[in-house]
Amino acid sequence: MKGLERITTVRLAEVISESGLVQTDQITEALYQQDSTGLPFIDFLVDTGVVSEWDLAKQVVDHFQIPFLVATNLEIEDQVVKSLPEDFVFKHSILPFASIGKVLNVMMPVFTPYKVLVEASEKSGLDVFPFVGLGSENRKVLFRVYPEHPKEEPAGVAPQKIEQDSSWESVFDLGDEEVHRALPESE
């Protein structure tokens, strides 16, 4: 996994800021959400409609020079997917798709930080080689392999989209709605 340590959220934030793909305040908000709630940087940007998975994937491929694949276009054996624990692959939307010798090829959901790739290597006992993919496509394959897995949104994903030009007030309104939903109903 030599050279993959350069795959960091901060570096990706710099890349998409320099490209003009995402406004600086939206990047700042995504980084803040990642630090305060644990919602991955990429998930915030995609789930709030700031940028598409495809556009982010192109940036990762271009900048980090990592090959791109679409999970649903491949024949993937269930046993390869199960090279990593079920909870781990769903938590990170990471998809093991081929094992060659001591190397496990995994499809990242656009972008997976280096520390998660190291953890995947440790859990599998294999050297991990990442490919860029789309989280939405990875999850389709994961649900095929694990049909009993709960089909809920990844942790922290907001059920509503924040408009690209939204004000701070609307962000707080959405937060208030989420808090009220989580509170037990009074009898």
Protein backbone atom coordinates (compact mmCIF):
# COMPACT_ATOMS: atom_id res chain seq x y z
CA MET A 1 0.00 0.00 0.00
CA LYS A 2 2.98 2.20 -0.55
CA GLY A 3 2.04 5.67 -1.76
CA LEU A 4 -1.58 5.38 -0.64
CA GLU A 5 -0.92 7.40 2.51
CA ARG A 6 -1.49 10.49 0.33
CA ILE A 7 -5.16 9.51 0.12
CA THR A 8 -6.60 11.79 2.79
CA THR A 9 -9.82 13.72 3.13
CA VAL A 10 -7.89 16.97 3.54
CA ARG A 11 -6.01 16.37 0.29
CA LEU A 12 -9.26 15.57 -1.53
CA ALA A 13 -10.81 18.75 -0.10
CA GLU A 14 -7.87 20.73 -1.51
CA VAL A 15 -8.21 19.03 -4.91
CA ILE A 16 -11.92 19.75 -5.31
CA SER A 17 -11.49 23.29 -4.00
CA GLU A 18 -8.69 23.99 -6.50
CA SER A 19 -10.78 22.50 -9.33
CA GLY A 20 -13.71 24.80 -8.50
CA LEU A 21 -16.04 21.78 -8.38
CA VAL A 22 -17.27 22.66 -4.88
CA GLN A 23 -17.40 26.03 -3.14
CA THR A 24 -15.07 26.54 -0.20
CA ASP A 25 -17.88 27.08 2.32
CA GLN A 26 -19.47 23.77 1.29
CA ILE A 27 -16.14 21.99 1.71
CA THR A 28 -15.72 23.59 5.13
CA GLU A 29 -19.22 22.45 6.14
CA ALA A 30 -18.54 18.88 4.91
CA LEU A 31 -15.28 18.73 6.88
CA TYR A 32 -17.06 20.13 9.94
CA GLN A 33 -19.82 17.51 9.64
CA GLN A 34 -17.22 14.76 9.35
CA ASP A 35 -15.42 15.96 12.49
CA SER A 36 -18.53 16.63 14.56
CA THR A 37 -20.90 13.84 13.49
CA GLY A 38 -18.69 11.23 11.85
CA LEU A 39 -20.57 11.57 8.56
CA PRO A 40 -17.93 10.97 5.89
CA PHE A 41 -16.88 14.04 3.89
CA ILE A 42 -17.90 12.46 0.56
CA ASP A 43 -21.28 11.32 1.89
CA PHE A 44 -22.14 14.83 3.04
CA LEU A 45 -21.26 16.38 -0.33
CA VAL A 46 -23.18 13.75 -2.34
CA ASP A 47 -26.16 13.29 0.00
CA THR A 48 -26.81 17.02 0.22
CA GLY A 49 -26.70 17.39 -3.55
CA VAL A 50 -23.61 19.61 -3.61
CA VAL A 51 -21.87 17.37 -6.16
CA SER A 52 -22.50 14.00 -7.83
CA GLU A 53 -20.64 10.77 -7.13
CA TRP A 54 -19.53 10.74 -10.76
CA ASP A 55 -17.94 14.19 -10.58
CA LEU A 56 -16.11 13.35 -7.35
CA ALA A 57 -14.96 10.00 -8.76
CA LYS A 58 -13.49 11.78 -11.77
CA GLN A 59 -11.51 14.10 -9.46
CA VAL A 60 -10.17 11.15 -7.44
CA VAL A 61 -9.21 9.21 -10.59
CA ASP A 62 -7.55 12.23 -12.18
CA HIS A 63 -5.68 13.47 -9.13
CA PHE A 64 -4.75 10.27 -7.28
CA GLN A 65 -4.25 8.19 -10.46
CA ILE A 66 -6.41 5.29 -9.22
CA PRO A 67 -8.34 3.18 -11.76
CA PHE A 68 -12.15 3.36 -11.94
CA LEU A 69 -14.64 0.47 -12.13
CA VAL A 70 -18.41 0.11 -11.77
CA ALA A 71 -19.29 -2.72 -9.37
CA THR A 72 -22.48 -3.80 -11.09
CA ASN A 73 -20.57 -4.34 -14.37
CA LEU A 74 -18.41 -7.07 -12.81
CA GLU A 75 -19.00 -10.70 -11.90
CA ILE A 76 -17.98 -10.79 -8.25
CA GLU A 77 -17.88 -13.99 -6.24
CA ASP A 78 -19.63 -13.84 -2.88
CA GLN A 79 -16.63 -15.42 -1.12
CA VAL A 80 -14.41 -12.53 -2.26
CA VAL A 81 -16.88 -9.96 -0.95
CA LYS A 82 -16.82 -11.84 2.35
CA SER A 83 -13.04 -11.33 2.62
CA LEU A 84 -13.95 -8.44 4.92
CA PRO A 85 -16.54 -8.47 7.73
CA GLU A 86 -20.11 -7.56 6.76
CA ASP A 87 -20.35 -4.66 9.21
CA PHE A 88 -17.07 -3.20 7.92
CA VAL A 89 -18.01 -3.28 4.23
CA PHE A 90 -21.41 -1.71 4.88
CA LYS A 91 -20.01 0.93 7.23
CA HIS A 92 -17.51 2.08 4.59
CA SER A 93 -19.41 0.99 1.42
CA ILE A 94 -16.17 -0.68 0.40
CA LEU A 95 -16.44 -3.66 -1.93
CA PRO A 96 -13.84 -6.44 -2.17
CA PHE A 97 -14.14 -7.72 -5.74
CA ALA A 98 -11.04 -9.78 -6.56
CA SER A 99 -8.35 -11.63 -4.70
CA ILE A 100 -5.11 -12.42 -6.49
CA GLY A 101 -2.43 -14.10 -4.40
CA LYS A 102 -1.87 -11.90 -1.37
CA VAL A 103 -3.66 -8.88 -2.88
CA LEU A 104 -7.28 -7.96 -2.27
CA ASN A 105 -8.74 -5.55 -4.82
CA VAL A 106 -11.39 -3.31 -3.30
CA MET A 107 -13.68 -0.74 -4.82
CA MET A 108 -13.84 2.45 -2.78
CA PRO A 109 -17.06 4.47 -2.71
CA VAL A 110 -15.44 7.32 -4.67
CA PHE A 111 -12.88 7.86 -1.92
CA THR A 112 -11.83 5.97 1.18
CA PRO A 113 -9.22 7.46 3.52
CA TYR A 114 -5.92 5.65 3.85
CA LYS A 115 -6.56 4.61 7.46
CA VAL A 116 -9.67 2.66 6.36
CA LEU A 117 -7.64 0.92 3.64
CA VAL A 118 -5.05 -0.04 6.27
CA GLU A 119 -7.84 -1.40 8.47
CA ALA A 120 -9.18 -3.41 5.50
CA SER A 121 -5.72 -4.87 4.98
CA GLU A 122 -5.46 -5.81 8.65
CA LYS A 123 -8.95 -7.38 8.72
CA SER A 124 -8.41 -9.39 5.53
CA GLY A 125 -4.78 -10.32 6.15
CA LEU A 126 -4.07 -9.27 2.56
CA ASP A 127 -2.48 -6.28 0.86
CA VAL A 128 -5.27 -4.00 -0.34
CA PHE A 129 -5.23 -2.39 -3.77
CA PRO A 130 -8.00 0.21 -4.20
CA PHE A 131 -10.05 1.08 -7.25
CA VAL A 132 -12.40 4.05 -7.45
CA GLY A 133 -16.06 3.10 -7.67
CA LEU A 134 -19.44 4.52 -6.74
CA GLY A 135 -20.85 3.90 -3.28
CA SER A 136 -24.35 3.48 -4.69
CA GLU A 137 -23.16 0.70 -7.02
CA ASN A 138 -21.05 -0.94 -4.28
CA ARG A 139 -24.11 -1.11 -2.01
CA LYS A 140 -26.16 -2.83 -4.75
CA VAL A 141 -23.62 -5.67 -4.83
CA LEU A 142 -23.31 -5.76 -1.04
CA PHE A 143 -27.10 -6.13 -0.66
CA ARG A 144 -27.05 -8.94 -3.22
CA VAL A 145 -24.41 -10.80 -1.18
CA TYR A 146 -26.02 -9.93 2.18
CA PRO A 147 -29.78 -9.81 1.43
CA GLU A 148 -30.68 -9.88 5.13
CA HIS A 149 -28.65 -6.78 5.95
CA PRO A 150 -30.90 -3.90 7.10
CA LYS A 151 -31.57 -1.56 4.19
CA GLU A 152 -31.20 1.69 6.04
CA GLU A 153 -29.16 4.72 5.12
CA PRO A 154 -25.50 4.71 6.21
CA ALA A 155 -24.98 6.21 9.67
CA GLY A 156 -25.31 9.97 9.73
CA VAL A 157 -26.79 10.41 6.27
CA ALA A 158 -29.41 13.11 6.35
CA PRO A 159 -32.73 11.93 4.88
CA GLN A 160 -33.32 15.33 3.29
CA LYS A 161 -31.16 17.18 0.84
CA ILE A 162 -29.79 20.64 1.60
CA GLU A 163 -30.03 22.91 -1.40
CA GLN A 164 -26.72 24.12 -2.78
CA ASP A 165 -27.54 27.74 -2.01
CA SER A 166 -29.12 27.06 1.38
CA SER A 167 -28.67 29.48 4.24
CA TRP A 168 -27.31 28.61 7.66
CA GLU A 169 -30.84 28.85 9.05
CA SER A 170 -32.06 25.98 6.86
CA VAL A 171 -29.12 23.81 7.99
CA PHE A 172 -30.16 24.42 11.61
CA ASP A 173 -33.82 23.75 10.75
CA LEU A 174 -32.88 20.36 9.30
CA GLY A 175 -30.82 19.63 12.42
CA ASP A 176 -33.76 20.53 14.65
CA GLU A 177 -36.05 18.22 12.64
CA GLU A 178 -33.59 15.35 13.09
CA VAL A 179 -33.37 15.93 16.85
CA HIS A 180 -37.17 15.97 17.14
CA ARG A 181 -37.45 12.73 15.15
CA ALA A 182 -34.94 11.06 17.47
CA LEU A 183 -36.76 12.10 20.67
CA PRO A 184 -39.24 9.58 22.13
CA GLU A 185 -42.85 10.66 21.73
CA SER A 186 -44.52 11.78 24.95
CA GLU A 187 -47.55 9.83 26.04
